């Protein structure tokens, strides 16, 4: 399965995963045309102990 056209995106997502971030949602944010060339991603991770 091909995920990204730009390999730098995969590197960035892998880095976020290494830092404990988990992708929980992805959606198109191009509301006028409904195209998927602009996407929004929501991540979560456990809050660090203080």
N, C-alpha and C. Protein backbone atom coordinates (compact mmCIF):
# COMPACT_ATOMS: atom_id res chain seq x y z
N UNK A 1 0.84 -1.18 0.00
CA UNK A 1 0.00 0.00 0.00
C UNK A 1 0.88 1.24 0.00
N UNK A 2 0.67 2.13 -0.92
CA UNK A 2 1.42 3.38 -0.99
C UNK A 2 0.71 4.42 -0.14
N UNK A 3 1.45 5.02 0.77
CA UNK A 3 0.85 5.96 1.70
C UNK A 3 1.07 7.41 1.29
N UNK A 4 2.31 7.75 0.89
CA UNK A 4 2.64 9.15 0.63
C UNK A 4 3.40 9.27 -0.67
N UNK A 5 3.14 10.34 -1.38
CA UNK A 5 3.91 10.65 -2.58
C UNK A 5 5.30 11.18 -2.20
N UNK A 6 5.38 11.90 -1.11
CA UNK A 6 6.61 12.55 -0.68
C UNK A 6 7.26 11.72 0.43
N UNK A 7 8.42 11.11 0.17
CA UNK A 7 9.05 10.27 1.20
C UNK A 7 9.40 11.02 2.47
N UNK A 8 9.55 12.34 2.40
CA UNK A 8 9.83 13.12 3.61
C UNK A 8 8.67 13.05 4.59
N UNK A 9 7.45 12.90 4.06
CA UNK A 9 6.28 12.77 4.94
C UNK A 9 6.36 11.49 5.75
N UNK A 10 6.75 10.40 5.10
CA UNK A 10 6.88 9.12 5.81
C UNK A 10 7.93 9.24 6.90
N UNK A 11 9.04 9.90 6.61
CA UNK A 11 10.09 10.10 7.62
C UNK A 11 9.56 10.90 8.79
N UNK A 12 8.81 11.95 8.50
CA UNK A 12 8.25 12.79 9.56
C UNK A 12 7.26 12.00 10.41
N UNK A 13 6.40 11.22 9.77
CA UNK A 13 5.43 10.42 10.52
C UNK A 13 6.13 9.36 11.36
N UNK A 14 7.17 8.74 10.83
CA UNK A 14 7.93 7.76 11.61
C UNK A 14 8.60 8.42 12.81
N UNK A 15 9.12 9.63 12.63
CA UNK A 15 9.75 10.36 13.74
C UNK A 15 8.72 10.64 14.83
N UNK A 16 7.51 11.08 14.42
CA UNK A 16 6.46 11.34 15.41
C UNK A 16 6.09 10.06 16.16
N UNK A 17 6.02 8.94 15.44
CA UNK A 17 5.74 7.66 16.09
C UNK A 17 6.82 7.29 17.09
N UNK A 18 8.08 7.53 16.73
CA UNK A 18 9.19 7.25 17.64
C UNK A 18 9.11 8.10 18.90
N UNK A 19 8.49 9.28 18.78
CA UNK A 19 8.34 10.18 19.93
C UNK A 19 7.08 9.86 20.74
N UNK A 20 6.36 8.82 20.35
CA UNK A 20 5.18 8.40 21.12
C UNK A 20 3.86 8.91 20.59
N UNK A 21 3.87 9.65 19.49
CA UNK A 21 2.62 10.16 18.91
C UNK A 21 1.92 9.07 18.13
N UNK A 22 0.59 9.01 18.25
CA UNK A 22 -0.22 8.03 17.53
C UNK A 22 -1.23 8.78 16.66
N UNK A 23 -1.27 8.44 15.38
CA UNK A 23 -2.24 9.03 14.46
C UNK A 23 -3.61 8.45 14.76
N UNK A 24 -4.58 9.33 15.07
CA UNK A 24 -5.91 8.85 15.43
C UNK A 24 -6.98 9.27 14.43
N UNK A 25 -6.68 10.26 13.58
CA UNK A 25 -7.68 10.71 12.62
C UNK A 25 -7.00 11.42 11.46
N UNK A 26 -7.58 11.27 10.29
CA UNK A 26 -7.09 11.96 9.10
C UNK A 26 -8.30 12.37 8.27
N UNK A 27 -8.28 13.59 7.76
CA UNK A 27 -9.43 14.09 7.01
C UNK A 27 -9.00 15.12 5.98
N UNK A 28 -9.81 15.29 4.96
CA UNK A 28 -9.58 16.33 3.95
C UNK A 28 -9.95 17.67 4.57
N UNK A 29 -9.12 18.69 4.32
CA UNK A 29 -9.44 20.02 4.84
C UNK A 29 -9.65 21.01 3.70
N UNK A 30 -9.84 20.51 2.51
CA UNK A 30 -10.15 21.36 1.36
C UNK A 30 -11.66 21.36 1.22
N UNK A 31 -12.33 22.22 1.98
CA UNK A 31 -13.78 22.19 2.08
C UNK A 31 -14.50 22.66 0.81
N UNK A 32 -13.86 23.49 0.02
CA UNK A 32 -14.55 24.03 -1.17
C UNK A 32 -14.72 22.99 -2.26
N UNK A 33 -13.69 22.18 -2.51
CA UNK A 33 -13.78 21.23 -3.62
C UNK A 33 -13.87 19.78 -3.17
N UNK A 34 -13.55 19.51 -1.91
CA UNK A 34 -13.56 18.14 -1.43
C UNK A 34 -12.35 17.34 -1.87
N UNK A 35 -11.38 18.00 -2.49
CA UNK A 35 -10.17 17.31 -2.94
C UNK A 35 -9.37 16.81 -1.74
N UNK A 36 -8.53 15.84 -1.96
CA UNK A 36 -7.73 15.29 -0.86
C UNK A 36 -6.27 15.71 -0.95
N UNK A 37 -5.98 16.81 -1.64
CA UNK A 37 -4.60 17.27 -1.73
C UNK A 37 -4.15 18.02 -0.47
N UNK A 38 -5.09 18.40 0.39
CA UNK A 38 -4.77 19.03 1.67
C UNK A 38 -5.46 18.20 2.75
N UNK A 39 -4.67 17.64 3.64
CA UNK A 39 -5.26 16.80 4.67
C UNK A 39 -4.86 17.30 6.05
N UNK A 40 -5.71 17.01 7.00
CA UNK A 40 -5.42 17.31 8.40
C UNK A 40 -5.26 16.00 9.15
N UNK A 41 -4.29 15.96 10.03
CA UNK A 41 -4.05 14.76 10.82
C UNK A 41 -4.10 15.12 12.30
N UNK A 42 -4.72 14.25 13.09
CA UNK A 42 -4.81 14.44 14.53
C UNK A 42 -4.01 13.33 15.19
N UNK A 43 -3.11 13.73 16.10
CA UNK A 43 -2.27 12.79 16.82
C UNK A 43 -2.54 12.90 18.31
N UNK A 44 -2.23 11.83 19.04
CA UNK A 44 -2.32 11.88 20.50
C UNK A 44 -1.11 11.14 21.07
N UNK A 45 -0.78 11.47 22.31
CA UNK A 45 0.22 10.73 23.06
C UNK A 45 -0.03 10.96 24.53
N UNK A 46 0.49 10.05 25.33
CA UNK A 46 0.32 10.16 26.75
C UNK A 46 1.05 11.40 27.27
N UNK A 47 0.44 12.09 28.21
CA UNK A 47 1.05 13.25 28.80
C UNK A 47 2.23 12.81 29.67
N UNK A 48 3.34 13.50 29.52
CA UNK A 48 4.55 13.16 30.28
C UNK A 48 4.32 13.45 31.76
N UNK A 49 4.86 12.58 32.61
CA UNK A 49 4.77 12.78 34.06
C UNK A 49 5.56 14.01 34.45
N UNK A 50 5.04 14.73 35.41
CA UNK A 50 5.73 15.95 35.84
C UNK A 50 6.58 15.73 37.06
